[in-house]
């Protein structure tokens, strides 16, 4: 897992400290290159990027993408469920939860 946004490294460090730290790396995309590549940069001049979640498998293939506007937060439980579904080895039916049967 990697967290990235267009803030500076000192801003990332202050944010992480304010929430008691994080156990994953944070990437400062201060030059906006990553935000441009993932097409989440909405304001080139201000450097404003939408909130995105991208699940990329070990082969570098995008398995899931979600982009929300700035007013919509993300649900960590749902992101973890989606990650488990991507790794489940089959088709996951509606409302599937980790540990349930998948269709092979």
N, C-alpha and C. Protein backbone atom coordinates (compact mmCIF):
# COMPACT_ATOMS: atom_id res chain seq x y z
N UNK A 1 0.85 -1.16 0.00
CA UNK A 1 0.00 0.00 0.00
C UNK A 1 0.89 1.23 0.00
N UNK A 2 0.43 2.24 -0.71
CA UNK A 2 1.16 3.49 -0.83
C UNK A 2 0.14 4.62 -0.83
N UNK A 3 0.38 5.64 -0.06
CA UNK A 3 -0.46 6.83 -0.07
C UNK A 3 0.24 7.93 -0.83
N UNK A 4 -0.48 8.64 -1.66
CA UNK A 4 0.12 9.73 -2.44
C UNK A 4 -0.85 10.88 -2.56
N UNK A 5 -0.32 12.08 -2.51
CA UNK A 5 -1.10 13.26 -2.86
C UNK A 5 -0.16 14.37 -3.28
N UNK A 6 -0.73 15.50 -3.65
CA UNK A 6 0.07 16.58 -4.21
C UNK A 6 0.65 17.52 -3.16
N UNK A 7 0.52 17.18 -1.90
CA UNK A 7 1.11 17.99 -0.84
C UNK A 7 2.62 17.78 -0.77
N UNK A 8 3.28 18.69 -0.09
CA UNK A 8 4.73 18.60 0.09
C UNK A 8 5.08 17.53 1.13
N UNK A 9 6.32 17.12 1.15
CA UNK A 9 6.79 16.14 2.13
C UNK A 9 6.59 16.64 3.57
N UNK A 10 6.93 17.90 3.89
CA UNK A 10 6.67 18.38 5.26
C UNK A 10 5.19 18.33 5.65
N UNK A 11 4.30 18.58 4.68
CA UNK A 11 2.86 18.50 4.96
C UNK A 11 2.46 17.07 5.25
N UNK A 12 3.00 16.11 4.49
CA UNK A 12 2.73 14.69 4.74
C UNK A 12 3.19 14.30 6.15
N UNK A 13 4.40 14.70 6.49
CA UNK A 13 4.95 14.35 7.80
C UNK A 13 4.09 14.92 8.93
N UNK A 14 3.64 16.17 8.77
CA UNK A 14 2.80 16.80 9.80
C UNK A 14 1.46 16.08 9.90
N UNK A 15 0.86 15.73 8.75
CA UNK A 15 -0.42 15.02 8.76
C UNK A 15 -0.28 13.67 9.45
N UNK A 16 0.74 12.90 9.07
CA UNK A 16 0.95 11.58 9.67
C UNK A 16 1.14 11.70 11.18
N UNK A 17 1.90 12.68 11.61
CA UNK A 17 2.13 12.88 13.04
C UNK A 17 0.82 13.23 13.75
N UNK A 18 -0.03 14.04 13.09
CA UNK A 18 -1.28 14.47 13.72
C UNK A 18 -2.26 13.33 13.96
N UNK A 19 -2.13 12.24 13.20
CA UNK A 19 -3.04 11.09 13.39
C UNK A 19 -2.34 9.91 14.07
N UNK A 20 -1.16 10.17 14.62
CA UNK A 20 -0.45 9.13 15.36
C UNK A 20 0.41 8.24 14.49
N UNK A 21 0.69 8.67 13.27
CA UNK A 21 1.56 7.91 12.37
C UNK A 21 0.79 6.98 11.45
N UNK A 22 1.46 6.53 10.43
CA UNK A 22 0.90 5.57 9.48
C UNK A 22 1.92 4.46 9.27
N UNK A 23 1.43 3.27 8.91
CA UNK A 23 2.34 2.14 8.71
C UNK A 23 2.48 1.78 7.23
N UNK A 24 2.41 2.80 6.38
CA UNK A 24 2.63 2.62 4.96
C UNK A 24 3.34 3.87 4.43
N UNK A 25 4.04 3.72 3.32
CA UNK A 25 4.77 4.87 2.78
C UNK A 25 3.84 5.92 2.19
N UNK A 26 4.25 7.17 2.33
CA UNK A 26 3.53 8.30 1.74
C UNK A 26 4.42 8.91 0.65
N UNK A 27 3.82 9.17 -0.49
CA UNK A 27 4.54 9.74 -1.62
C UNK A 27 4.07 11.17 -1.83
N UNK A 28 5.01 12.09 -1.90
CA UNK A 28 4.68 13.46 -2.22
C UNK A 28 4.75 13.63 -3.73
N UNK A 29 3.60 13.83 -4.34
CA UNK A 29 3.50 14.05 -5.79
C UNK A 29 3.45 15.55 -6.05
N UNK A 30 4.40 16.26 -5.48
CA UNK A 30 4.39 17.72 -5.50
C UNK A 30 4.45 18.27 -6.93
N UNK A 31 5.09 17.55 -7.84
CA UNK A 31 5.16 18.00 -9.24
C UNK A 31 3.93 17.60 -10.04
N UNK A 32 3.00 16.89 -9.43
CA UNK A 32 1.70 16.49 -10.01
C UNK A 32 1.80 15.45 -11.12
N UNK A 33 2.96 14.84 -11.31
CA UNK A 33 3.15 13.86 -12.39
C UNK A 33 2.25 12.63 -12.22
N UNK A 34 2.21 12.09 -11.02
CA UNK A 34 1.37 10.91 -10.76
C UNK A 34 -0.11 11.25 -10.91
N UNK A 35 -0.53 12.40 -10.39
CA UNK A 35 -1.93 12.83 -10.50
C UNK A 35 -2.33 12.99 -11.97
N UNK A 36 -1.43 13.50 -12.78
CA UNK A 36 -1.71 13.62 -14.22
C UNK A 36 -1.85 12.25 -14.86
N UNK A 37 -0.92 11.35 -14.55
CA UNK A 37 -0.92 10.02 -15.17
C UNK A 37 -2.19 9.24 -14.81
N UNK A 38 -2.67 9.40 -13.59
CA UNK A 38 -3.88 8.69 -13.17
C UNK A 38 -5.15 9.51 -13.42
N UNK A 39 -4.99 10.65 -14.07
CA UNK A 39 -6.10 11.51 -14.50
C UNK A 39 -7.00 11.94 -13.35
N UNK A 40 -6.39 12.30 -12.23
CA UNK A 40 -7.16 12.80 -11.10
C UNK A 40 -6.89 14.28 -10.82
N UNK A 41 -5.98 14.89 -11.57
CA UNK A 41 -5.66 16.30 -11.38
C UNK A 41 -6.76 17.15 -12.02
N UNK A 42 -7.42 17.96 -11.22
CA UNK A 42 -8.55 18.75 -11.73
C UNK A 42 -8.20 20.21 -11.93
N UNK A 43 -7.22 20.70 -11.21
CA UNK A 43 -6.85 22.11 -11.27
C UNK A 43 -5.34 22.20 -11.42
N UNK A 44 -4.88 22.33 -12.65
CA UNK A 44 -3.45 22.36 -12.92
C UNK A 44 -2.75 23.47 -12.14
N UNK A 45 -3.34 24.65 -12.12
CA UNK A 45 -2.69 25.79 -11.46
C UNK A 45 -2.63 25.60 -9.94
N UNK A 46 -3.72 25.11 -9.36
CA UNK A 46 -3.75 24.94 -7.91
C UNK A 46 -3.26 23.59 -7.44
N UNK A 47 -3.08 22.67 -8.36
CA UNK A 47 -2.58 21.34 -7.99
C UNK A 47 -3.58 20.51 -7.23
N UNK A 48 -4.86 20.71 -7.50
CA UNK A 48 -5.90 19.98 -6.78
C UNK A 48 -6.17 18.65 -7.48
N UNK A 49 -6.09 17.57 -6.71
CA UNK A 49 -6.34 16.23 -7.25
C UNK A 49 -7.54 15.62 -6.54
N UNK A 50 -8.35 14.91 -7.30
CA UNK A 50 -9.47 14.18 -6.73
C UNK A 50 -8.97 13.03 -5.87
N UNK A 51 -9.85 12.42 -5.10
CA UNK A 51 -9.49 11.30 -4.22
C UNK A 51 -9.63 9.99 -5.01
N UNK A 52 -8.54 9.30 -5.19
CA UNK A 52 -8.57 8.07 -5.97
C UNK A 52 -8.04 6.88 -5.20
N UNK A 53 -8.58 5.71 -5.53
CA UNK A 53 -8.09 4.44 -5.00
C UNK A 53 -7.82 3.56 -6.22
N UNK A 54 -6.62 3.02 -6.29
CA UNK A 54 -6.23 2.17 -7.41
C UNK A 54 -5.62 0.89 -6.84
N UNK A 55 -6.18 -0.25 -7.21
CA UNK A 55 -5.62 -1.53 -6.80
C UNK A 55 -4.89 -2.08 -8.03
N UNK A 56 -3.59 -2.24 -7.88
CA UNK A 56 -2.73 -2.69 -8.97
C UNK A 56 -2.09 -4.00 -8.53
N UNK A 57 -2.20 -5.03 -9.36
CA UNK A 57 -1.67 -6.34 -8.97
C UNK A 57 -0.15 -6.38 -9.11
N UNK A 58 0.49 -7.45 -8.62
CA UNK A 58 1.95 -7.54 -8.67
C UNK A 58 2.53 -7.49 -10.09
N UNK A 59 1.70 -7.74 -11.10
CA UNK A 59 2.16 -7.65 -12.48
C UNK A 59 1.99 -6.26 -13.06
N UNK A 60 1.53 -5.31 -12.24
CA UNK A 60 1.36 -3.94 -12.69
C UNK A 60 0.06 -3.70 -13.43
N UNK A 61 -0.89 -4.62 -13.32
CA UNK A 61 -2.17 -4.49 -14.02
C UNK A 61 -3.21 -3.90 -13.08
N UNK A 62 -3.88 -2.86 -13.55
CA UNK A 62 -4.92 -2.21 -12.77
C UNK A 62 -6.11 -3.17 -12.63
N UNK A 63 -6.47 -3.48 -11.38
CA UNK A 63 -7.58 -4.38 -11.10
C UNK A 63 -8.83 -3.65 -10.62
N UNK A 64 -8.65 -2.45 -10.07
CA UNK A 64 -9.78 -1.69 -9.56
C UNK A 64 -9.39 -0.22 -9.52
N UNK A 65 -10.34 0.65 -9.85
CA UNK A 65 -10.12 2.09 -9.75
C UNK A 65 -11.41 2.77 -9.30
N UNK A 66 -11.26 3.73 -8.42
CA UNK A 66 -12.38 4.54 -7.97
C UNK A 66 -11.87 5.95 -7.76
N UNK A 67 -12.58 6.93 -8.29
CA UNK A 67 -12.20 8.33 -8.12
C UNK A 67 -13.40 9.09 -7.60
N UNK A 68 -13.22 9.76 -6.47
CA UNK A 68 -14.28 10.53 -5.83
C UNK A 68 -13.95 12.02 -5.89
N UNK A 69 -14.99 12.86 -5.87
CA UNK A 69 -14.72 14.29 -5.77
C UNK A 69 -14.24 14.60 -4.36
N UNK A 70 -13.80 15.83 -4.16
CA UNK A 70 -13.18 16.19 -2.88
C UNK A 70 -14.12 16.12 -1.69
N UNK A 71 -15.41 16.20 -1.94
CA UNK A 71 -16.38 16.19 -0.84
C UNK A 71 -16.75 14.79 -0.38
N UNK A 72 -16.30 13.76 -1.10
CA UNK A 72 -16.69 12.39 -0.78
C UNK A 72 -15.48 11.62 -0.25
N UNK A 73 -15.60 11.17 0.99
CA UNK A 73 -14.54 10.38 1.59
C UNK A 73 -14.58 8.94 1.13
N UNK A 74 -13.58 8.19 1.51
CA UNK A 74 -13.52 6.78 1.15
C UNK A 74 -13.76 5.91 2.37
N UNK A 75 -14.20 4.68 2.13
CA UNK A 75 -14.51 3.75 3.19
C UNK A 75 -13.41 2.68 3.21
N UNK A 76 -12.57 2.71 4.22
CA UNK A 76 -11.43 1.80 4.29
C UNK A 76 -11.91 0.34 4.32
N UNK A 77 -12.98 0.06 5.05
CA UNK A 77 -13.51 -1.31 5.10
C UNK A 77 -13.88 -1.80 3.70
N UNK A 78 -14.52 -0.94 2.91
CA UNK A 78 -14.90 -1.32 1.55
C UNK A 78 -13.67 -1.51 0.66
N UNK A 79 -12.67 -0.68 0.82
CA UNK A 79 -11.45 -0.83 0.03
C UNK A 79 -10.77 -2.16 0.35
N UNK A 80 -10.74 -2.53 1.62
CA UNK A 80 -10.14 -3.82 2.01
C UNK A 80 -10.97 -4.98 1.47
N UNK A 81 -12.30 -4.84 1.46
CA UNK A 81 -13.17 -5.87 0.87
C UNK A 81 -12.88 -6.02 -0.62
N UNK A 82 -12.72 -4.92 -1.32
CA UNK A 82 -12.42 -4.96 -2.75
C UNK A 82 -11.06 -5.61 -3.01
N UNK A 83 -10.08 -5.30 -2.18
CA UNK A 83 -8.76 -5.91 -2.32
C UNK A 83 -8.87 -7.42 -2.13
N UNK A 84 -9.59 -7.86 -1.10
CA UNK A 84 -9.79 -9.29 -0.87
C UNK A 84 -10.50 -9.94 -2.05
N UNK A 85 -11.49 -9.25 -2.62
CA UNK A 85 -12.21 -9.79 -3.78
C UNK A 85 -11.28 -9.94 -4.98
N UNK A 86 -10.41 -8.97 -5.17
CA UNK A 86 -9.45 -9.05 -6.28
C UNK A 86 -8.49 -10.23 -6.11
N UNK A 87 -8.27 -10.64 -4.88
CA UNK A 87 -7.34 -11.73 -4.59
C UNK A 87 -8.04 -13.07 -4.36
N UNK A 88 -9.36 -13.11 -4.47
CA UNK A 88 -10.14 -14.29 -4.10
C UNK A 88 -10.03 -15.45 -5.09
N UNK A 89 -9.62 -15.19 -6.30
CA UNK A 89 -9.44 -16.27 -7.26
C UNK A 89 -10.69 -16.70 -7.99
N UNK A 90 -11.69 -15.86 -8.02
CA UNK A 90 -12.93 -16.17 -8.72
C UNK A 90 -13.84 -14.98 -8.74
N UNK A 91 -15.03 -15.18 -9.28
CA UNK A 91 -16.01 -14.10 -9.34
C UNK A 91 -16.73 -13.99 -8.00
N UNK A 92 -16.80 -12.79 -7.48
CA UNK A 92 -17.44 -12.55 -6.20
C UNK A 92 -18.83 -11.97 -6.42
N UNK A 93 -19.87 -12.62 -5.89
CA UNK A 93 -21.24 -12.14 -6.09
C UNK A 93 -21.49 -10.84 -5.32
N UNK A 94 -22.64 -10.24 -5.59
CA UNK A 94 -23.04 -9.01 -4.90
C UNK A 94 -22.97 -9.21 -3.38
N UNK A 95 -22.51 -8.20 -2.69
CA UNK A 95 -22.38 -8.19 -1.23
C UNK A 95 -21.43 -9.25 -0.69
N UNK A 96 -20.55 -9.77 -1.53
CA UNK A 96 -19.56 -10.77 -1.11
C UNK A 96 -18.69 -10.20 0.00
N UNK A 97 -18.37 -11.04 0.95
CA UNK A 97 -17.45 -10.70 2.04
C UNK A 97 -16.33 -11.73 2.06
N UNK A 98 -15.18 -11.32 2.54
CA UNK A 98 -14.03 -12.22 2.61
C UNK A 98 -14.41 -13.48 3.40
N UNK A 99 -14.00 -14.63 2.86
CA UNK A 99 -14.31 -15.91 3.48
C UNK A 99 -15.50 -16.61 2.85
N UNK A 100 -16.31 -15.86 2.10
CA UNK A 100 -17.44 -16.49 1.42
C UNK A 100 -16.98 -17.13 0.11
N UNK A 101 -17.84 -17.99 -0.41
CA UNK A 101 -17.54 -18.72 -1.65
C UNK A 101 -17.45 -17.77 -2.84
N UNK A 102 -16.55 -18.11 -3.76
CA UNK A 102 -16.45 -17.39 -5.03
C UNK A 102 -16.79 -18.35 -6.15
N UNK A 103 -17.20 -17.82 -7.29
CA UNK A 103 -17.52 -18.64 -8.44
C UNK A 103 -16.30 -18.80 -9.31
N UNK A 104 -15.91 -20.05 -9.57
CA UNK A 104 -14.71 -20.31 -10.37
C UNK A 104 -15.07 -20.74 -11.75
